[in-house]
Amino acid sequence: MVRLLTAEPGMTRGLAGALLRYVQWRQKGYVPGITRLALVDVQIALAMNAIYNRLQLRNNSPLTRLQREMLATVVNGAIGGAP
C-alpha cells in the first residue's frame, strides 16, 4: 500500500496552513483530497490552481461550463476516481 503525504487541517503551518484553513472555511469545513495533496508544496498548489482556472473558469473557452463539468465527470470515472 502506498501512502501519500497530505496537508491536514490543524497539523499544517505557515502559508500552506493558512491556505488550508481558508479552503476549510470557504468549503464549510470540507477540504477536498486534491487540495490536501497539493498543499504539501505551496508552489504545486499555486500551479494547480492556475491550471484549473485556465481550463475551467476562463470566459473564452470553446466549451460551456456544463460541457466542461460533464467532461470532468467522464474523465474522473475513467481513471477510477471517487464520485
PDB file of N, CA and C in Angstrom:
ATOM      1  N   MET A   1       0.838  -1.172   0.000  1.00  0.00           N
ATOM      2  CA  MET A   1       0.000   0.000   0.000  1.00  0.00           C
ATOM      3  C   MET A   1       0.890   1.245   0.000  1.00  0.00           C
ATOM      4  N   VAL A   2       0.566   2.177  -0.862  1.00  0.00           N
ATOM      5  CA  VAL A   2       1.313   3.426  -0.957  1.00  0.00           C
ATOM      6  C   VAL A   2       0.548   4.499  -0.187  1.00  0.00           C
ATOM      7  N   ARG A   3       1.237   5.191   0.665  1.00  0.00           N
ATOM      8  CA  ARG A   3       0.618   6.291   1.411  1.00  0.00           C
ATOM      9  C   ARG A   3       1.205   7.606   0.893  1.00  0.00           C
ATOM     10  N   LEU A   4       0.331   8.536   0.619  1.00  0.00           N
ATOM     11  CA  LEU A   4       0.751   9.836   0.117  1.00  0.00           C
ATOM     12  C   LEU A   4       0.750  10.848   1.247  1.00  0.00           C
ATOM     13  N   LEU A   5       1.722  11.726   1.228  1.00  0.00           N
ATOM     14  CA  LEU A   5       1.785  12.804   2.200  1.00  0.00           C
ATOM     15  C   LEU A   5       0.684  13.807   1.881  1.00  0.00           C
ATOM     16  N   THR A   6      -0.085  14.177   2.880  1.00  0.00           N
ATOM     17  CA  THR A   6      -1.151  15.159   2.695  1.00  0.00           C
ATOM     18  C   THR A   6      -1.049  16.237   3.760  1.00  0.00           C
ATOM     19  N   ALA A   7      -1.543  17.409   3.417  1.00  0.00           N
ATOM     20  CA  ALA A   7      -1.632  18.510   4.376  1.00  0.00           C
ATOM     21  C   ALA A   7      -2.955  18.364   5.107  1.00  0.00           C
ATOM     22  N   GLU A   8      -2.909  18.263   6.420  1.00  0.00           N
ATOM     23  CA  GLU A   8      -4.106  18.060   7.221  1.00  0.00           C
ATOM     24  C   GLU A   8      -4.454  19.324   8.002  1.00  0.00           C
ATOM     25  N   PRO A   9      -5.747  19.659   8.060  1.00  0.00           N
ATOM     26  CA  PRO A   9      -6.150  20.822   8.850  1.00  0.00           C
ATOM     27  C   PRO A   9      -5.720  20.664  10.310  1.00  0.00           C
ATOM     28  N   GLY A  10      -5.200  21.725  10.863  1.00  0.00           N
ATOM     29  CA  GLY A  10      -4.758  21.704  12.250  1.00  0.00           C
ATOM     30  C   GLY A  10      -3.336  21.184  12.438  1.00  0.00           C
ATOM     31  N   MET A  11      -2.765  20.557  11.418  1.00  0.00           N
ATOM     32  CA  MET A  11      -1.423  19.989  11.517  1.00  0.00           C
ATOM     33  C   MET A  11      -0.426  20.720  10.613  1.00  0.00           C
ATOM     34  N   THR A  12      -0.918  21.582   9.730  1.00  0.00           N
ATOM     35  CA  THR A  12      -0.078  22.250   8.746  1.00  0.00           C
ATOM     36  C   THR A  12       0.123  23.704   9.153  1.00  0.00           C
ATOM     37  N   ARG A  13       1.354  24.178   9.051  1.00  0.00           N
ATOM     38  CA  ARG A  13       1.691  25.544   9.472  1.00  0.00           C
ATOM     39  C   ARG A  13       2.135  26.389   8.278  1.00  0.00           C
ATOM     40  N   GLY A  14       2.351  27.658   8.528  1.00  0.00           N
ATOM     41  CA  GLY A  14       2.847  28.566   7.508  1.00  0.00           C
ATOM     42  C   GLY A  14       1.791  28.895   6.469  1.00  0.00           C
ATOM     43  N   LEU A  15       2.265  29.224   5.260  1.00  0.00           N
ATOM     44  CA  LEU A  15       1.367  29.609   4.173  1.00  0.00           C
ATOM     45  C   LEU A  15       0.428  28.464   3.810  1.00  0.00           C
ATOM     46  N   ALA A  16       0.948  27.238   3.758  1.00  0.00           N
ATOM     47  CA  ALA A  16       0.106  26.081   3.435  1.00  0.00           C
ATOM     48  C   ALA A  16      -1.009  25.925   4.464  1.00  0.00           C
ATOM     49  N   GLY A  17      -0.693  26.115   5.730  1.00  0.00           N
ATOM     50  CA  GLY A  17      -1.700  26.017   6.779  1.00  0.00           C
ATOM     51  C   GLY A  17      -2.763  27.091   6.647  1.00  0.00           C
ATOM     52  N   ALA A  18      -2.328  28.308   6.324  1.00  0.00           N
ATOM     53  CA  ALA A  18      -3.274  29.409   6.145  1.00  0.00           C
ATOM     54  C   ALA A  18      -4.191  29.134   4.957  1.00  0.00           C
ATOM     55  N   LEU A  19      -3.633  28.644   3.858  1.00  0.00           N
ATOM     56  CA  LEU A  19      -4.444  28.313   2.689  1.00  0.00           C
ATOM     57  C   LEU A  19      -5.412  27.174   2.984  1.00  0.00           C
ATOM     58  N   LEU A  20      -4.950  26.194   3.743  1.00  0.00           N
ATOM     59  CA  LEU A  20      -5.795  25.066   4.114  1.00  0.00           C
ATOM     60  C   LEU A  20      -6.963  25.525   4.997  1.00  0.00           C
ATOM     61  N   ARG A  21      -6.680  26.398   5.946  1.00  0.00           N
ATOM     62  CA  ARG A  21      -7.757  26.928   6.787  1.00  0.00           C
ATOM     63  C   ARG A  21      -8.753  27.752   5.965  1.00  0.00           C
ATOM     64  N   TYR A  22      -8.237  28.509   4.984  1.00  0.00           N
ATOM     65  CA  TYR A  22      -9.114  29.283   4.119  1.00  0.00           C
ATOM     66  C   TYR A  22     -10.036  28.364   3.318  1.00  0.00           C
ATOM     67  N   VAL A  23      -9.475  27.308   2.738  1.00  0.00           N
ATOM     68  CA  VAL A  23     -10.295  26.365   1.969  1.00  0.00           C
ATOM     69  C   VAL A  23     -11.322  25.711   2.881  1.00  0.00           C
ATOM     70  N   GLN A  24     -10.907  25.334   4.067  1.00  0.00           N
ATOM     71  CA  GLN A  24     -11.816  24.703   5.020  1.00  0.00           C
ATOM     72  C   GLN A  24     -12.967  25.657   5.372  1.00  0.00           C
ATOM     73  N   TRP A  25     -12.647  26.920   5.587  1.00  0.00           N
ATOM     74  CA  TRP A  25     -13.671  27.922   5.882  1.00  0.00           C
ATOM     75  C   TRP A  25     -14.586  28.120   4.669  1.00  0.00           C
ATOM     76  N   ARG A  26     -13.987  28.245   3.497  1.00  0.00           N
ATOM     77  CA  ARG A  26     -14.741  28.502   2.268  1.00  0.00           C
ATOM     78  C   ARG A  26     -15.670  27.336   1.913  1.00  0.00           C
ATOM     79  N   GLN A  27     -15.207  26.119   2.186  1.00  0.00           N
ATOM     80  CA  GLN A  27     -15.985  24.921   1.855  1.00  0.00           C
ATOM     81  C   GLN A  27     -16.842  24.446   3.029  1.00  0.00           C
ATOM     82  N   LYS A  28     -16.997  25.288   4.043  1.00  0.00           N
ATOM     83  CA  LYS A  28     -17.825  24.974   5.219  1.00  0.00           C
ATOM     84  C   LYS A  28     -17.361  23.702   5.923  1.00  0.00           C
ATOM     85  N   GLY A  29     -16.049  23.610   6.129  1.00  0.00           N
ATOM     86  CA  GLY A  29     -15.481  22.505   6.892  1.00  0.00           C
ATOM     87  C   GLY A  29     -14.889  21.381   6.068  1.00  0.00           C
ATOM     88  N   TYR A  30     -15.202  21.299   4.782  1.00  0.00           N
ATOM     89  CA  TYR A  30     -14.722  20.216   3.926  1.00  0.00           C
ATOM     90  C   TYR A  30     -13.489  20.667   3.148  1.00  0.00           C
ATOM     91  N   VAL A  31     -12.454  19.844   3.155  1.00  0.00           N
ATOM     92  CA  VAL A  31     -11.259  20.128   2.354  1.00  0.00           C
ATOM     93  C   VAL A  31     -11.103  18.985   1.360  1.00  0.00           C
ATOM     94  N   PRO A  32     -11.231  19.255   0.053  1.00  0.00           N
ATOM     95  CA  PRO A  32     -11.099  18.195  -0.945  1.00  0.00           C
ATOM     96  C   PRO A  32      -9.729  17.509  -0.880  1.00  0.00           C
ATOM     97  N   GLY A  33      -9.713  16.237  -1.221  1.00  0.00           N
ATOM     98  CA  GLY A  33      -8.475  15.459  -1.198  1.00  0.00           C
ATOM     99  C   GLY A  33      -7.391  16.030  -2.095  1.00  0.00           C
ATOM    100  N   ILE A  34      -7.772  16.524  -3.271  1.00  0.00           N
ATOM    101  CA  ILE A  34      -6.777  17.077  -4.184  1.00  0.00           C
ATOM    102  C   ILE A  34      -6.113  18.306  -3.571  1.00  0.00           C
ATOM    103  N   THR A  35      -6.867  19.054  -2.778  1.00  0.00           N
ATOM    104  CA  THR A  35      -6.315  20.222  -2.098  1.00  0.00           C
ATOM    105  C   THR A  35      -5.318  19.791  -1.032  1.00  0.00           C
ATOM    106  N   ARG A  36      -5.641  18.747  -0.295  1.00  0.00           N
ATOM    107  CA  ARG A  36      -4.724  18.226   0.731  1.00  0.00           C
ATOM    108  C   ARG A  36      -3.426  17.730   0.113  1.00  0.00           C
ATOM    109  N   LEU A  37      -3.531  17.110  -1.051  1.00  0.00           N
ATOM    110  CA  LEU A  37      -2.323  16.638  -1.735  1.00  0.00           C
ATOM    111  C   LEU A  37      -1.488  17.807  -2.250  1.00  0.00           C
ATOM    112  N   ALA A  38      -2.147  18.766  -2.879  1.00  0.00           N
ATOM    113  CA  ALA A  38      -1.434  19.883  -3.496  1.00  0.00           C
ATOM    114  C   ALA A  38      -0.759  20.772  -2.460  1.00  0.00           C
ATOM    115  N   LEU A  39      -1.381  20.954  -1.306  1.00  0.00           N
ATOM    116  CA  LEU A  39      -0.838  21.882  -0.315  1.00  0.00           C
ATOM    117  C   LEU A  39       0.349  21.334   0.468  1.00  0.00           C
ATOM    118  N   VAL A  40       0.787  20.136   0.145  1.00  0.00           N
ATOM    119  CA  VAL A  40       2.038  19.649   0.724  1.00  0.00           C
ATOM    120  C   VAL A  40       3.174  20.553   0.260  1.00  0.00           C
ATOM    121  N   ASP A  41       3.054  21.064  -0.966  1.00  0.00           N
ATOM    122  CA  ASP A  41       4.019  22.015  -1.528  1.00  0.00           C
ATOM    123  C   ASP A  41       3.225  23.185  -2.098  1.00  0.00           C
ATOM    124  N   VAL A  42       3.383  24.356  -1.528  1.00  0.00           N
ATOM    125  CA  VAL A  42       2.589  25.531  -1.921  1.00  0.00           C
ATOM    126  C   VAL A  42       2.801  25.876  -3.389  1.00  0.00           C
ATOM    127  N   GLN A  43       4.008  25.705  -3.917  1.00  0.00           N
ATOM    128  CA  GLN A  43       4.266  26.008  -5.328  1.00  0.00           C
ATOM    129  C   GLN A  43       3.436  25.107  -6.241  1.00  0.00           C
ATOM    130  N   ILE A  44       3.301  23.839  -5.863  1.00  0.00           N
ATOM    131  CA  ILE A  44       2.474  22.920  -6.645  1.00  0.00           C
ATOM    132  C   ILE A  44       1.012  23.345  -6.562  1.00  0.00           C
ATOM    133  N   ALA A  45       0.562  23.707  -5.368  1.00  0.00           N
ATOM    134  CA  ALA A  45      -0.827  24.135  -5.194  1.00  0.00           C
ATOM    135  C   ALA A  45      -1.131  25.360  -6.053  1.00  0.00           C
ATOM    136  N   LEU A  46      -0.222  26.319  -6.093  1.00  0.00           N
ATOM    137  CA  LEU A  46      -0.435  27.523  -6.900  1.00  0.00           C
ATOM    138  C   LEU A  46      -0.462  27.195  -8.389  1.00  0.00           C
ATOM    139  N   ALA A  47       0.426  26.301  -8.829  1.00  0.00           N
ATOM    140  CA  ALA A  47       0.443  25.898 -10.235  1.00  0.00           C
ATOM    141  C   ALA A  47      -0.843  25.152 -10.607  1.00  0.00           C
ATOM    142  N   MET A  48      -1.291  24.255  -9.729  1.00  0.00           N
ATOM    143  CA  MET A  48      -2.530  23.519  -9.992  1.00  0.00           C
ATOM    144  C   MET A  48      -3.724  24.464 -10.051  1.00  0.00           C
ATOM    145  N   ASN A  49      -3.740  25.455  -9.195  1.00  0.00           N
ATOM    146  CA  ASN A  49      -4.817  26.438  -9.199  1.00  0.00           C
ATOM    147  C   ASN A  49      -4.821  27.235 -10.509  1.00  0.00           C
ATOM    148  N   ALA A  50      -3.652  27.604 -10.987  1.00  0.00           N
ATOM    149  CA  ALA A  50      -3.560  28.345 -12.249  1.00  0.00           C
ATOM    150  C   ALA A  50      -4.060  27.492 -13.415  1.00  0.00           C
ATOM    151  N   ILE A  51      -3.695  26.216 -13.424  1.00  0.00           N
ATOM    152  CA  ILE A  51      -4.156  25.318 -14.486  1.00  0.00           C
ATOM    153  C   ILE A  51      -5.675  25.166 -14.421  1.00  0.00           C
ATOM    154  N   TYR A  52      -6.209  24.939 -13.227  1.00  0.00           N
ATOM    155  CA  TYR A  52      -7.660  24.804 -13.072  1.00  0.00           C
ATOM    156  C   TYR A  52      -8.382  26.059 -13.564  1.00  0.00           C
ATOM    157  N   ASN A  53      -7.901  27.213 -13.142  1.00  0.00           N
ATOM    158  CA  ASN A  53      -8.531  28.464 -13.557  1.00  0.00           C
ATOM    159  C   ASN A  53      -8.497  28.625 -15.067  1.00  0.00           C
ATOM    160  N   ARG A  54      -7.383  28.270 -15.683  1.00  0.00           N
ATOM    161  CA  ARG A  54      -7.249  28.402 -17.137  1.00  0.00           C
ATOM    162  C   ARG A  54      -8.198  27.451 -17.865  1.00  0.00           C
ATOM    163  N   LEU A  55      -8.277  26.233 -17.405  1.00  0.00           N
ATOM    164  CA  LEU A  55      -9.094  25.237 -18.101  1.00  0.00           C
ATOM    165  C   LEU A  55     -10.577  25.338 -17.783  1.00  0.00           C
ATOM    166  N   GLN A  56     -10.925  25.682 -16.558  1.00  0.00           N
ATOM    167  CA  GLN A  56     -12.321  25.613 -16.145  1.00  0.00           C
ATOM    168  C   GLN A  56     -13.031  26.964 -16.048  1.00  0.00           C
ATOM    169  N   LEU A  57     -12.332  28.018 -15.749  1.00  0.00           N
ATOM    170  CA  LEU A  57     -13.014  29.271 -15.420  1.00  0.00           C
ATOM    171  C   LEU A  57     -12.853  30.389 -16.438  1.00  0.00           C
ATOM    172  N   ARG A  58     -12.095  30.175 -17.489  1.00  0.00           N
ATOM    173  CA  ARG A  58     -11.907  31.275 -18.446  1.00  0.00           C
ATOM    174  C   ARG A  58     -13.184  31.537 -19.233  1.00  0.00           C
ATOM    175  N   ASN A  59     -13.359  32.760 -19.638  1.00  0.00           N
ATOM    176  CA  ASN A  59     -14.576  33.167 -20.340  1.00  0.00           C
ATOM    177  C   ASN A  59     -14.594  32.754 -21.804  1.00  0.00           C
ATOM    178  N   ASN A  60     -13.448  32.646 -22.439  1.00  0.00           N
ATOM    179  CA  ASN A  60     -13.399  32.399 -23.878  1.00  0.00           C
ATOM    180  C   ASN A  60     -13.175  30.925 -24.225  1.00  0.00           C
ATOM    181  N   SER A  61     -13.608  30.021 -23.368  1.00  0.00           N
ATOM    182  CA  SER A  61     -13.451  28.596 -23.626  1.00  0.00           C
ATOM    183  C   SER A  61     -14.375  28.157 -24.761  1.00  0.00           C
ATOM    184  N   PRO A  62     -13.925  27.220 -25.601  1.00  0.00           N
ATOM    185  CA  PRO A  62     -14.805  26.714 -26.652  1.00  0.00           C
ATOM    186  C   PRO A  62     -15.924  25.823 -26.093  1.00  0.00           C
ATOM    187  N   LEU A  63     -15.792  25.384 -24.841  1.00  0.00           N
ATOM    188  CA  LEU A  63     -16.808  24.553 -24.201  1.00  0.00           C
ATOM    189  C   LEU A  63     -17.570  25.372 -23.163  1.00  0.00           C
ATOM    190  N   THR A  64     -18.849  25.027 -22.977  1.00  0.00           N
ATOM    191  CA  THR A  64     -19.617  25.684 -21.928  1.00  0.00           C
ATOM    192  C   THR A  64     -19.183  25.118 -20.577  1.00  0.00           C
ATOM    193  N   ARG A  65     -19.566  25.784 -19.510  1.00  0.00           N
ATOM    194  CA  ARG A  65     -19.237  25.303 -18.165  1.00  0.00           C
ATOM    195  C   ARG A  65     -19.839  23.910 -17.942  1.00  0.00           C
ATOM    196  N   LEU A  66     -21.063  23.695 -18.401  1.00  0.00           N
ATOM    197  CA  LEU A  66     -21.710  22.395 -18.261  1.00  0.00           C
ATOM    198  C   LEU A  66     -20.943  21.315 -19.026  1.00  0.00           C
ATOM    199  N   GLN A  67     -20.496  21.615 -20.235  1.00  0.00           N
ATOM    200  CA  GLN A  67     -19.728  20.646 -21.013  1.00  0.00           C
ATOM    201  C   GLN A  67     -18.413  20.307 -20.317  1.00  0.00           C
ATOM    202  N   ARG A  68     -17.770  21.302 -19.724  1.00  0.00           N
ATOM    203  CA  ARG A  68     -16.513  21.047 -19.010  1.00  0.00           C
ATOM    204  C   ARG A  68     -16.751  20.165 -17.796  1.00  0.00           C
ATOM    205  N   GLU A  69     -17.840  20.404 -17.060  1.00  0.00           N
ATOM    206  CA  GLU A  69     -18.163  19.572 -15.904  1.00  0.00           C
ATOM    207  C   GLU A  69     -18.485  18.142 -16.332  1.00  0.00           C
ATOM    208  N   MET A  70     -19.192  17.992 -17.446  1.00  0.00           N
ATOM    209  CA  MET A  70     -19.507  16.657 -17.955  1.00  0.00           C
ATOM    210  C   MET A  70     -18.230  15.922 -18.355  1.00  0.00           C
ATOM    211  N   LEU A  71     -17.324  16.619 -19.002  1.00  0.00           N
ATOM    212  CA  LEU A  71     -16.041  16.031 -19.386  1.00  0.00           C
ATOM    213  C   LEU A  71     -15.240  15.614 -18.155  1.00  0.00           C
ATOM    214  N   ALA A  72     -15.232  16.457 -17.137  1.00  0.00           N
ATOM    215  CA  ALA A  72     -14.515  16.135 -15.902  1.00  0.00           C
ATOM    216  C   ALA A  72     -15.112  14.895 -15.238  1.00  0.00           C
ATOM    217  N   THR A  73     -16.427  14.751 -15.285  1.00  0.00           N
ATOM    218  CA  THR A  73     -17.086  13.583 -14.699  1.00  0.00           C
ATOM    219  C   THR A  73     -16.685  12.308 -15.437  1.00  0.00           C
ATOM    220  N   VAL A  74     -16.662  12.350 -16.747  1.00  0.00           N
ATOM    221  CA  VAL A  74     -16.278  11.180 -17.544  1.00  0.00           C
ATOM    222  C   VAL A  74     -14.829  10.812 -17.298  1.00  0.00           C
ATOM    223  N   VAL A  75     -13.944  11.789 -17.283  1.00  0.00           N
ATOM    224  CA  VAL A  75     -12.523  11.517 -17.035  1.00  0.00           C
ATOM    225  C   VAL A  75     -12.330  10.946 -15.641  1.00  0.00           C
ATOM    226  N   ASN A  76     -12.998  11.511 -14.650  1.00  0.00           N
ATOM    227  CA  ASN A  76     -12.882  11.023 -13.275  1.00  0.00           C
ATOM    228  C   ASN A  76     -13.314   9.556 -13.190  1.00  0.00           C
ATOM    229  N   GLY A  77     -14.405   9.216 -13.866  1.00  0.00           N
ATOM    230  CA  GLY A  77     -14.861   7.834 -13.879  1.00  0.00           C
ATOM    231  C   GLY A  77     -13.899   6.919 -14.617  1.00  0.00           C
ATOM    232  N   ALA A  78     -13.296   7.406 -15.694  1.00  0.00           N
ATOM    233  CA  ALA A  78     -12.377   6.592 -16.491  1.00  0.00           C
ATOM    234  C   ALA A  78     -11.099   6.262 -15.717  1.00  0.00           C
ATOM    235  N   ILE A  79     -10.671   7.158 -14.835  1.00  0.00           N
ATOM    236  CA  ILE A  79      -9.448   6.897 -14.081  1.00  0.00           C
ATOM    237  C   ILE A  79      -9.742   6.243 -12.744  1.00  0.00           C
ATOM    238  N   GLY A  80     -11.008   5.939 -12.481  1.00  0.00           N
ATOM    239  CA  GLY A  80     -11.362   5.272 -11.229  1.00  0.00           C
ATOM    240  C   GLY A  80     -11.414   6.206 -10.038  1.00  0.00           C
ATOM    241  N   GLY A  81     -11.732   7.472 -10.294  1.00  0.00           N
ATOM    242  CA  GLY A  81     -11.814   8.451  -9.214  1.00  0.00           C
ATOM    243  C   GLY A  81     -13.067   8.269  -8.382  1.00  0.00           C
ATOM    244  N   ALA A  82     -13.078   8.894  -7.248  1.00  0.00           N
ATOM    245  CA  ALA A  82     -14.243   8.829  -6.366  1.00  0.00           C
ATOM    246  C   ALA A  82     -15.377   9.655  -6.940  1.00  0.00           C
ATOM    247  N   PRO A  83     -16.621   9.272  -6.679  1.00  0.00           N
ATOM    248  CA  PRO A  83     -17.760  10.028  -7.201  1.00  0.00           C
ATOM    249  C   PRO A  83     -17.877  11.395  -6.579  1.00  0.00           C
TER     250      PRO A  83
END
